[in-house]
Amino acid sequence: MKFTGKKVIITGGSSGIGKSAAKIFAREGADITIVARRENVLQEAVGEISSTAVSRDQKVDYRSVDVSDWEKVSEFAKEYGSDIGAPDIIINSAGISHPGYFEKIPYEVFQRVMDIDFFGVVGMCKAFVPLMKERGGHIVNISSIAGFLGVFGYSAYCPAKFAVFGFSQVLRSELKRYNIHVSILCPPDTDTPQLEMENKIKPEETKAISGNAGVMSPDDVAEAMINGMLKSKPVIVPGLNGKFVLYASRLIPSVVEWVMDREIKKFS
């Protein structure tokens, strides 16, 4: 049991990748606190996660917190530190997306996506790093393939995930001295409730581009994330297609752009 007795906090832990990760940590003997906004969904998720625990001594709990609200996040950290202590692992999985044509996406959507996807990560790190500095630990911030590659239709989502990527690189450098490892997870499209919602409003051009990359299950993404954590990988990209896109975007960006432009022109 690699994580027996470890204290794990997972934002966005009531569904998708976060919930899949929580189940794996539970099977590995960890104590888990999942964080999201909707209390009824959190309660249901806690039941599912608890069923995978391997010991009666394990604790699986939840907190209803909007990670975009700094005051609430700060209050949560104070309560957690007082009641439980310092977390060993934080998985920042909470996130939203709203694909569409740039001119048709309301300005408020850009703000909301950035508030949750980026400032939600910053707030959790800001609140909990002081607790973790004495013992060390591991933070995983979830970005996306759209965090290193600008994709048609994601003018609100890509900037937030790019910001997570850059922030995490800086954090990794600064926190090494405290034995706090920082990893960036960059999953491709993953079969989650968020993707289901996205597919209802995606521009056809976006569907054509993302259709080339395939869809992974949240369980497979979570498994890849945890394997990457065990190897202290700075950047974790699940799946062969995702790895190919990462390296291609860095080594031959003009070819990647040509491929995407070819798909987009089909709808011109």
C-alpha atoms as a PDB file:
ATOM      1  CA  MET A   1       0.000   0.000   0.000  1.00  0.00           C
ATOM      2  CA  LYS A   2       1.887   3.028  -1.287  1.00  0.00           C
ATOM      3  CA  PHE A   3      -0.504   5.583   0.222  1.00  0.00           C
ATOM      4  CA  THR A   4      -1.552   3.918   3.474  1.00  0.00           C
ATOM      5  CA  GLY A   5      -2.324   6.549   6.076  1.00  0.00           C
ATOM      6  CA  LYS A   6      -1.696   9.446   3.693  1.00  0.00           C
ATOM      7  CA  LYS A   7      -4.079  12.398   3.923  1.00  0.00           C
ATOM      8  CA  VAL A   8      -5.415  13.345   0.498  1.00  0.00           C
ATOM      9  CA  ILE A   9      -7.517  16.326  -0.567  1.00  0.00           C
ATOM     10  CA  ILE A  10      -9.155  16.225  -4.002  1.00  0.00           C
ATOM     11  CA  THR A  11     -11.024  19.201  -5.425  1.00  0.00           C
ATOM     12  CA  GLY A  12     -13.591  18.248  -8.007  1.00  0.00           C
ATOM     13  CA  GLY A  13     -13.642  14.905  -6.221  1.00  0.00           C
ATOM     14  CA  SER A  14     -17.356  14.276  -6.608  1.00  0.00           C
ATOM     15  CA  SER A  15     -17.126  13.268 -10.279  1.00  0.00           C
ATOM     16  CA  GLY A  16     -14.853  12.546 -13.212  1.00  0.00           C
ATOM     17  CA  ILE A  17     -11.103  12.223 -12.790  1.00  0.00           C
ATOM     18  CA  GLY A  18     -11.242  13.450  -9.198  1.00  0.00           C
ATOM     19  CA  LYS A  19     -13.653  10.756  -8.083  1.00  0.00           C
ATOM     20  CA  SER A  20     -11.736   8.045  -9.945  1.00  0.00           C
ATOM     21  CA  ALA A  21      -8.533   9.166  -8.231  1.00  0.00           C
ATOM     22  CA  ALA A  22     -10.262   9.141  -4.848  1.00  0.00           C
ATOM     23  CA  LYS A  23     -11.300   5.523  -5.346  1.00  0.00           C
ATOM     24  CA  ILE A  24      -7.733   4.502  -6.184  1.00  0.00           C
ATOM     25  CA  PHE A  25      -6.362   6.306  -3.139  1.00  0.00           C
ATOM     26  CA  ALA A  26      -9.042   4.620  -1.008  1.00  0.00           C
ATOM     27  CA  ARG A  27      -7.969   1.210  -2.315  1.00  0.00           C
ATOM     28  CA  GLU A  28      -4.416   2.159  -1.354  1.00  0.00           C
ATOM     29  CA  GLY A  29      -5.391   2.886   2.257  1.00  0.00           C
ATOM     30  CA  ALA A  30      -5.436   6.708   2.219  1.00  0.00           C
ATOM     31  CA  ASP A  31      -7.684   9.073   4.150  1.00  0.00           C
ATOM     32  CA  ILE A  32      -9.551  11.256   1.684  1.00  0.00           C
ATOM     33  CA  THR A  33     -11.408  14.552   1.702  1.00  0.00           C
ATOM     34  CA  ILE A  34     -13.216  15.431  -1.512  1.00  0.00           C
ATOM     35  CA  VAL A  35     -14.160  19.015  -2.271  1.00  0.00           C
ATOM     36  CA  ALA A  36     -16.858  20.366  -4.574  1.00  0.00           C
ATOM     37  CA  ARG A  37     -19.872  22.668  -4.449  1.00  0.00           C
ATOM     38  CA  ARG A  38     -22.940  20.428  -4.512  1.00  0.00           C
ATOM     39  CA  GLU A  39     -23.454  18.722  -1.173  1.00  0.00           C
ATOM     40  CA  ASN A  40     -25.864  16.036  -2.417  1.00  0.00           C
ATOM     41  CA  VAL A  41     -23.411  14.947  -5.119  1.00  0.00           C
ATOM     42  CA  LEU A  42     -20.558  14.974  -2.595  1.00  0.00           C
ATOM     43  CA  GLN A  43     -22.487  12.744  -0.206  1.00  0.00           C
ATOM     44  CA  GLU A  44     -23.217  10.245  -2.970  1.00  0.00           C
ATOM     45  CA  ALA A  45     -19.570  10.244  -4.050  1.00  0.00           C
ATOM     46  CA  VAL A  46     -18.376   9.658  -0.479  1.00  0.00           C
ATOM     47  CA  GLY A  47     -20.528   6.525  -0.388  1.00  0.00           C
ATOM     48  CA  GLU A  48     -18.949   5.219  -3.590  1.00  0.00           C
ATOM     49  CA  ILE A  49     -15.416   6.023  -2.477  1.00  0.00           C
ATOM     50  CA  SER A  50     -15.922   4.547   0.988  1.00  0.00           C
ATOM     51  CA  SER A  51     -16.996   1.246  -0.564  1.00  0.00           C
ATOM     52  CA  THR A  52     -13.491   0.862  -2.031  1.00  0.00           C
ATOM     53  CA  ALA A  53     -11.653   1.505   1.249  1.00  0.00           C
ATOM     54  CA  VAL A  54      -9.567  -1.367   2.603  1.00  0.00           C
ATOM     55  CA  SER A  55      -9.739  -0.537   6.299  1.00  0.00           C
ATOM     56  CA  ARG A  56     -12.416   0.536   8.751  1.00  0.00           C
ATOM     57  CA  ASP A  57      -9.937   3.048  10.133  1.00  0.00           C
ATOM     58  CA  GLN A  58      -9.821   4.979   6.880  1.00  0.00           C
ATOM     59  CA  LYS A  59     -11.618   8.306   6.770  1.00  0.00           C
ATOM     60  CA  VAL A  60     -13.510   9.450   3.703  1.00  0.00           C
ATOM     61  CA  ASP A  61     -15.111  12.852   4.115  1.00  0.00           C
ATOM     62  CA  TYR A  62     -16.211  15.853   2.072  1.00  0.00           C
ATOM     63  CA  ARG A  63     -16.328  19.638   2.225  1.00  0.00           C
ATOM     64  CA  SER A  64     -18.713  21.795   0.244  1.00  0.00           C
ATOM     65  CA  VAL A  65     -16.460  24.611  -0.977  1.00  0.00           C
ATOM     66  CA  ASP A  66     -16.433  26.796  -4.092  1.00  0.00           C
ATOM     67  CA  VAL A  67     -12.716  26.849  -4.890  1.00  0.00           C
ATOM     68  CA  SER A  68     -13.096  30.182  -6.687  1.00  0.00           C
ATOM     69  CA  ASP A  69     -14.021  31.809  -3.354  1.00  0.00           C
ATOM     70  CA  TRP A  70     -10.714  32.603  -1.636  1.00  0.00           C
ATOM     71  CA  GLU A  71     -12.306  33.320   1.734  1.00  0.00           C
ATOM     72  CA  LYS A  72     -14.064  29.935   1.757  1.00  0.00           C
ATOM     73  CA  VAL A  73     -10.891  28.121   0.665  1.00  0.00           C
ATOM     74  CA  SER A  74      -8.861  29.886   3.345  1.00  0.00           C
ATOM     75  CA  GLU A  75     -11.465  29.004   5.968  1.00  0.00           C
ATOM     76  CA  PHE A  76     -11.453  25.371   4.815  1.00  0.00           C
ATOM     77  CA  ALA A  77      -7.657  25.203   5.139  1.00  0.00           C
ATOM     78  CA  LYS A  78      -7.769  26.574   8.676  1.00  0.00           C
ATOM     79  CA  GLU A  79     -10.417  24.050   9.699  1.00  0.00           C
ATOM     80  CA  TYR A  80      -8.563  21.183   8.024  1.00  0.00           C
ATOM     81  CA  GLY A  81      -5.285  22.133   9.657  1.00  0.00           C
ATOM     82  CA  SER A  82      -6.914  22.362  13.075  1.00  0.00           C
ATOM     83  CA  ASP A  83      -8.924  19.127  12.792  1.00  0.00           C
ATOM     84  CA  ILE A  84      -6.657  16.891  10.703  1.00  0.00           C
ATOM     85  CA  GLY A  85      -3.273  18.544  10.232  1.00  0.00           C
ATOM     86  CA  ALA A  86      -1.245  18.924   7.055  1.00  0.00           C
ATOM     87  CA  PRO A  87      -2.349  17.075   3.925  1.00  0.00           C
ATOM     88  CA  ASP A  88       0.185  14.825   2.240  1.00  0.00           C
ATOM     89  CA  ILE A  89      -1.368  15.105  -1.207  1.00  0.00           C
ATOM     90  CA  ILE A  90      -3.526  17.689  -2.937  1.00  0.00           C
ATOM     91  CA  ILE A  91      -5.153  16.983  -6.298  1.00  0.00           C
ATOM     92  CA  ASN A  92      -6.563  20.152  -7.871  1.00  0.00           C
ATOM     93  CA  SER A  93      -9.108  18.642 -10.218  1.00  0.00           C
ATOM     94  CA  ALA A  94     -11.986  21.133 -10.017  1.00  0.00           C
ATOM     95  CA  GLY A  95     -12.648  22.771 -13.346  1.00  0.00           C
ATOM     96  CA  ILE A  96     -15.244  23.890 -15.859  1.00  0.00           C
ATOM     97  CA  SER A  97     -15.254  24.534 -19.586  1.00  0.00           C
ATOM     98  CA  HIS A  98     -17.441  26.451 -22.007  1.00  0.00           C
ATOM     99  CA  PRO A  99     -16.473  25.901 -25.655  1.00  0.00           C
ATOM    100  CA  GLY A 100     -17.799  28.163 -28.360  1.00  0.00           C
ATOM    101  CA  TYR A 101     -16.862  30.802 -30.900  1.00  0.00           C
ATOM    102  CA  PHE A 102     -14.892  33.573 -29.190  1.00  0.00           C
ATOM    103  CA  GLU A 103     -17.296  36.365 -30.181  1.00  0.00           C
ATOM    104  CA  LYS A 104     -20.297  34.450 -28.868  1.00  0.00           C
ATOM    105  CA  ILE A 105     -18.914  33.536 -25.436  1.00  0.00           C
ATOM    106  CA  PRO A 106     -20.075  36.095 -22.831  1.00  0.00           C
ATOM    107  CA  TYR A 107     -17.324  37.997 -21.032  1.00  0.00           C
ATOM    108  CA  GLU A 108     -18.603  36.687 -17.709  1.00  0.00           C
ATOM    109  CA  VAL A 109     -17.868  33.126 -18.860  1.00  0.00           C
ATOM    110  CA  PHE A 110     -14.202  33.994 -19.387  1.00  0.00           C
ATOM    111  CA  GLN A 111     -14.084  35.323 -15.820  1.00  0.00           C
ATOM    112  CA  ARG A 112     -15.838  32.300 -14.333  1.00  0.00           C
ATOM    113  CA  VAL A 113     -13.611  29.776 -16.125  1.00  0.00           C
ATOM    114  CA  MET A 114     -10.481  31.600 -14.999  1.00  0.00           C
ATOM    115  CA  ASP A 115     -11.809  31.940 -11.442  1.00  0.00           C
ATOM    116  CA  ILE A 116     -12.389  28.201 -11.074  1.00  0.00           C
ATOM    117  CA  ASP A 117      -9.803  26.600 -13.347  1.00  0.00           C
ATOM    118  CA  PHE A 118      -6.860  28.866 -12.485  1.00  0.00           C
ATOM    119  CA  PHE A 119      -7.542  30.901  -9.357  1.00  0.00           C
ATOM    120  CA  GLY A 120      -9.143  27.841  -7.763  1.00  0.00           C
ATOM    121  CA  VAL A 121      -5.766  26.101  -8.115  1.00  0.00           C
ATOM    122  CA  VAL A 122      -3.851  29.141  -6.889  1.00  0.00           C
ATOM    123  CA  GLY A 123      -6.147  29.498  -3.869  1.00  0.00           C
ATOM    124  CA  MET A 124      -5.831  25.870  -2.800  1.00  0.00           C
ATOM    125  CA  CYS A 125      -2.044  26.005  -3.076  1.00  0.00           C
ATOM    126  CA  LYS A 126      -1.881  29.365  -1.312  1.00  0.00           C
ATOM    127  CA  ALA A 127      -4.006  28.063   1.564  1.00  0.00           C
ATOM    128  CA  PHE A 128      -2.428  24.638   2.048  1.00  0.00           C
ATOM    129  CA  VAL A 129       1.264  25.009   1.161  1.00  0.00           C
ATOM    130  CA  PRO A 130       2.022  26.638   4.544  1.00  0.00           C
ATOM    131  CA  LEU A 131       0.648  23.517   6.238  1.00  0.00           C
ATOM    132  CA  MET A 132       2.681  21.193   4.000  1.00  0.00           C
ATOM    133  CA  LYS A 133       6.081  22.896   4.234  1.00  0.00           C
ATOM    134  CA  GLU A 134       7.200  21.141   7.397  1.00  0.00           C
ATOM    135  CA  ARG A 135       6.599  17.551   6.216  1.00  0.00           C
ATOM    136  CA  GLY A 136       6.575  17.872   2.444  1.00  0.00           C
ATOM    137  CA  GLY A 137       4.081  16.229   0.131  1.00  0.00           C
ATOM    138  CA  HIS A 138       2.792  16.193  -3.430  1.00  0.00           C
ATOM    139  CA  ILE A 139       0.539  18.571  -5.342  1.00  0.00           C
ATOM    140  CA  VAL A 140      -0.994  17.666  -8.695  1.00  0.00           C
ATOM    141  CA  ASN A 141      -2.573  20.480 -10.685  1.00  0.00           C
ATOM    142  CA  ILE A 142      -4.774  19.348 -13.536  1.00  0.00           C
ATOM    143  CA  SER A 143      -4.220  21.248 -16.738  1.00  0.00           C
ATOM    144  CA  SER A 144      -5.078  19.695 -20.120  1.00  0.00           C
ATOM    145  CA  ILE A 145      -3.727  19.045 -23.585  1.00  0.00           C
ATOM    146  CA  ALA A 146      -5.457  22.392 -24.137  1.00  0.00           C
ATOM    147  CA  GLY A 147      -3.004  23.722 -21.550  1.00  0.00           C
ATOM    148  CA  PHE A 148      -0.112  23.585 -24.009  1.00  0.00           C
ATOM    149  CA  LEU A 149      -1.955  23.702 -27.345  1.00  0.00           C
ATOM    150  CA  GLY A 150      -4.423  26.383 -28.388  1.00  0.00           C
ATOM    151  CA  VAL A 151      -7.528  24.653 -29.739  1.00  0.00           C
ATOM    152  CA  PHE A 152     -10.274  26.200 -31.870  1.00  0.00           C
ATOM    153  CA  GLY A 153     -13.356  26.903 -29.747  1.00  0.00           C
ATOM    154  CA  TYR A 154     -11.556  26.965 -26.391  1.00  0.00           C
ATOM    155  CA  SER A 155     -10.754  30.672 -26.091  1.00  0.00           C
ATOM    156  CA  ALA A 156     -12.005  30.662 -22.469  1.00  0.00           C
ATOM    157  CA  TYR A 157     -10.646  27.265 -21.420  1.00  0.00           C
ATOM    158  CA  CYS A 158      -7.171  27.228 -23.007  1.00  0.00           C
ATOM    159  CA  PRO A 159      -5.886  30.405 -21.318  1.00  0.00           C
ATOM    160  CA  ALA A 160      -6.932  29.115 -17.894  1.00  0.00           C
ATOM    161  CA  LYS A 161      -5.222  25.778 -18.453  1.00  0.00           C
ATOM    162  CA  PHE A 162      -2.123  27.449 -19.934  1.00  0.00           C
ATOM    163  CA  ALA A 163      -2.003  29.504 -16.737  1.00  0.00           C
ATOM    164  CA  VAL A 164      -2.229  26.357 -14.603  1.00  0.00           C
ATOM    165  CA  PHE A 165       0.684  24.873 -16.552  1.00  0.00           C
ATOM    166  CA  GLY A 166       2.916  27.911 -16.085  1.00  0.00           C
ATOM    167  CA  PHE A 167       1.961  28.423 -12.455  1.00  0.00           C
ATOM    168  CA  SER A 168       2.698  24.785 -11.663  1.00  0.00           C
ATOM    169  CA  GLN A 169       6.153  24.980 -13.247  1.00  0.00           C
ATOM    170  CA  VAL A 170       7.004  27.968 -11.062  1.00  0.00           C
ATOM    171  CA  LEU A 171       5.544  26.283  -7.979  1.00  0.00           C
ATOM    172  CA  ARG A 172       7.531  23.120  -8.655  1.00  0.00           C
ATOM    173  CA  SER A 173      10.752  25.125  -8.691  1.00  0.00           C
ATOM    174  CA  GLU A 174       9.941  27.115  -5.549  1.00  0.00           C
ATOM    175  CA  LEU A 175       8.656  24.238  -3.408  1.00  0.00           C
ATOM    176  CA  LYS A 176      11.459  21.720  -4.024  1.00  0.00           C
ATOM    177  CA  ARG A 177      13.342  23.077  -1.014  1.00  0.00           C
ATOM    178  CA  TYR A 178      10.429  21.996   1.182  1.00  0.00           C
ATOM    179  CA  ASN A 179      10.252  18.507  -0.346  1.00  0.00           C
ATOM    180  CA  ILE A 180       6.900  19.319  -1.918  1.00  0.00           C
ATOM    181  CA  HIS A 181       6.663  17.777  -5.380  1.00  0.00           C
ATOM    182  CA  VAL A 182       4.450  19.465  -7.973  1.00  0.00           C
ATOM    183  CA  SER A 183       3.132  17.622 -11.020  1.00  0.00           C
ATOM    184  CA  ILE A 184       1.006  18.831 -13.910  1.00  0.00           C
ATOM    185  CA  LEU A 185      -1.574  16.425 -15.329  1.00  0.00           C
ATOM    186  CA  CYS A 186      -2.515  17.061 -18.968  1.00  0.00           C
ATOM    187  CA  PRO A 187      -5.286  14.664 -19.943  1.00  0.00           C
ATOM    188  CA  PRO A 188      -6.928  14.473 -23.363  1.00  0.00           C
ATOM    189  CA  ASP A 189     -10.724  14.450 -23.689  1.00  0.00           C
ATOM    190  CA  THR A 190     -11.983  12.306 -20.820  1.00  0.00           C
ATOM    191  CA  ASP A 191     -15.380  10.641 -20.505  1.00  0.00           C
ATOM    192  CA  THR A 192     -16.787  12.859 -17.746  1.00  0.00           C
ATOM    193  CA  PRO A 193     -20.013  14.814 -17.155  1.00  0.00           C
ATOM    194  CA  GLN A 194     -18.109  17.937 -18.200  1.00  0.00           C
ATOM    195  CA  LEU A 195     -17.237  16.463 -21.600  1.00  0.00           C
ATOM    196  CA  GLU A 196     -20.861  15.420 -22.072  1.00  0.00           C
ATOM    197  CA  MET A 197     -21.910  19.021 -21.485  1.00  0.00           C
ATOM    198  CA  GLU A 198     -19.181  20.356 -23.769  1.00  0.00           C
ATOM    199  CA  ASN A 199     -20.227  18.120 -26.639  1.00  0.00           C
ATOM    200  CA  LYS A 200     -23.691  19.719 -26.625  1.00  0.00           C
ATOM    201  CA  ILE A 201     -22.308  23.184 -27.359  1.00  0.00           C
ATOM    202  CA  LYS A 202     -18.963  22.619 -29.116  1.00  0.00           C
ATOM    203  CA  PRO A 203     -18.485  24.200 -32.530  1.00  0.00           C
ATOM    204  CA  GLU A 204     -18.293  21.601 -35.273  1.00  0.00           C
ATOM    205  CA  GLU A 205     -14.681  22.593 -35.925  1.00  0.00           C
ATOM    206  CA  THR A 206     -13.789  21.776 -32.308  1.00  0.00           C
ATOM    207  CA  LYS A 207     -15.494  18.402 -32.543  1.00  0.00           C
ATOM    208  CA  ALA A 208     -13.495  17.588 -35.671  1.00  0.00           C
ATOM    209  CA  ILE A 209     -10.165  18.503 -34.040  1.00  0.00           C
ATOM    210  CA  SER A 210     -10.802  16.739 -30.737  1.00  0.00           C
ATOM    211  CA  GLY A 211     -12.211  13.710 -32.524  1.00  0.00           C
ATOM    212  CA  ASN A 212      -8.715  12.884 -33.770  1.00  0.00           C
ATOM    213  CA  ALA A 213      -7.361  12.493 -30.234  1.00  0.00           C
ATOM    214  CA  GLY A 214      -9.870   9.960 -28.892  1.00  0.00           C
ATOM    215  CA  VAL A 215     -11.463   9.829 -25.437  1.00  0.00           C
ATOM    216  CA  MET A 216     -10.011   8.241 -22.303  1.00  0.00           C
ATOM    217  CA  SER A 217     -11.885   6.914 -19.288  1.00  0.00           C
ATOM    218  CA  PRO A 218     -11.492   8.828 -16.001  1.00  0.00           C
ATOM    219  CA  ASP A 219     -10.226   5.637 -14.359  1.00  0.00           C
ATOM    220  CA  ASP A 220      -7.399   5.311 -16.895  1.00  0.00           C
ATOM    221  CA  VAL A 221      -6.481   8.975 -16.518  1.00  0.00           C
ATOM    222  CA  ALA A 222      -6.453   8.711 -12.725  1.00  0.00           C
ATOM    223  CA  GLU A 223      -4.312   5.564 -12.895  1.00  0.00           C
ATOM    224  CA  ALA A 224      -1.825   7.315 -15.181  1.00  0.00           C
ATOM    225  CA  MET A 225      -1.754  10.283 -12.823  1.00  0.00           C
ATOM    226  CA  ILE A 226      -0.941   8.183  -9.781  1.00  0.00           C
ATOM    227  CA  ASN A 227       1.719   6.207 -11.655  1.00  0.00           C
ATOM    228  CA  GLY A 228       3.260   9.520 -12.680  1.00  0.00           C
ATOM    229  CA  MET A 229       3.155  10.748  -9.083  1.00  0.00           C
ATOM    230  CA  LEU A 230       5.040   7.666  -7.908  1.00  0.00           C
ATOM    231  CA  LYS A 231       7.778   8.529 -10.407  1.00  0.00           C
ATOM    232  CA  SER A 232       7.688  12.235  -9.424  1.00  0.00           C
ATOM    233  CA  LYS A 233       7.058  13.216 -13.035  1.00  0.00           C
ATOM    234  CA  PRO A 234       6.790  16.982 -13.505  1.00  0.00           C
ATOM    235  CA  VAL A 235       4.390  16.597 -16.452  1.00  0.00           C
ATOM    236  CA  ILE A 236       2.027  13.636 -16.724  1.00  0.00           C
ATOM    237  CA  VAL A 237       0.310  13.104 -20.082  1.00  0.00           C
ATOM    238  CA  PRO A 238      -1.943  10.018 -20.155  1.00  0.00           C
ATOM    239  CA  GLY A 239      -2.223   8.017 -23.364  1.00  0.00           C
ATOM    240  CA  LEU A 240      -0.031   7.714 -26.437  1.00  0.00           C
ATOM    241  CA  ASN A 241      -2.044  10.235 -28.431  1.00  0.00           C
ATOM    242  CA  GLY A 242      -1.612  12.874 -25.738  1.00  0.00           C
ATOM    243  CA  LYS A 243       2.142  12.292 -25.548  1.00  0.00           C
ATOM    244  CA  PHE A 244       2.404  12.553 -29.321  1.00  0.00           C
ATOM    245  CA  VAL A 245       0.548  15.887 -29.324  1.00  0.00           C
ATOM    246  CA  LEU A 246       2.801  17.229 -26.543  1.00  0.00           C
ATOM    247  CA  TYR A 247       6.043  16.393 -28.329  1.00  0.00           C
ATOM    248  CA  ALA A 248       4.747  17.340 -31.770  1.00  0.00           C
ATOM    249  CA  SER A 249       3.516  20.722 -30.525  1.00  0.00           C
ATOM    250  CA  ARG A 250       6.986  21.436 -29.168  1.00  0.00           C
ATOM    251  CA  LEU A 251       9.126  19.971 -31.945  1.00  0.00           C
ATOM    252  CA  ILE A 252       7.043  20.522 -35.095  1.00  0.00           C
ATOM    253  CA  PRO A 253       4.373  23.116 -34.185  1.00  0.00           C
ATOM    254  CA  SER A 254       3.819  24.104 -37.817  1.00  0.00           C
ATOM    255  CA  VAL A 255       2.737  20.550 -38.650  1.00  0.00           C
ATOM    256  CA  VAL A 256       0.300  20.444 -35.723  1.00  0.00           C
ATOM    257  CA  GLU A 257      -1.152  23.787 -36.831  1.00  0.00           C
ATOM    258  CA  TRP A 258      -1.483  22.521 -40.412  1.00  0.00           C
ATOM    259  CA  VAL A 259      -3.396  19.436 -39.250  1.00  0.00           C
ATOM    260  CA  MET A 260      -5.800  21.537 -37.178  1.00  0.00           C
ATOM    261  CA  ASP A 261      -6.266  24.100 -39.956  1.00  0.00           C
ATOM    262  CA  ARG A 262      -7.091  21.282 -42.387  1.00  0.00           C
ATOM    263  CA  GLU A 263      -9.959  20.142 -40.135  1.00  0.00           C
ATOM    264  CA  ILE A 264     -11.203  23.699 -39.626  1.00  0.00           C
ATOM    265  CA  LYS A 265     -11.315  24.449 -43.373  1.00  0.00           C
ATOM    266  CA  LYS A 266     -13.829  21.643 -43.863  1.00  0.00           C
ATOM    267  CA  PHE A 267     -16.426  23.897 -42.224  1.00  0.00           C
ATOM    268  CA  SER A 268     -15.476  27.171 -43.944  1.00  0.00           C
END
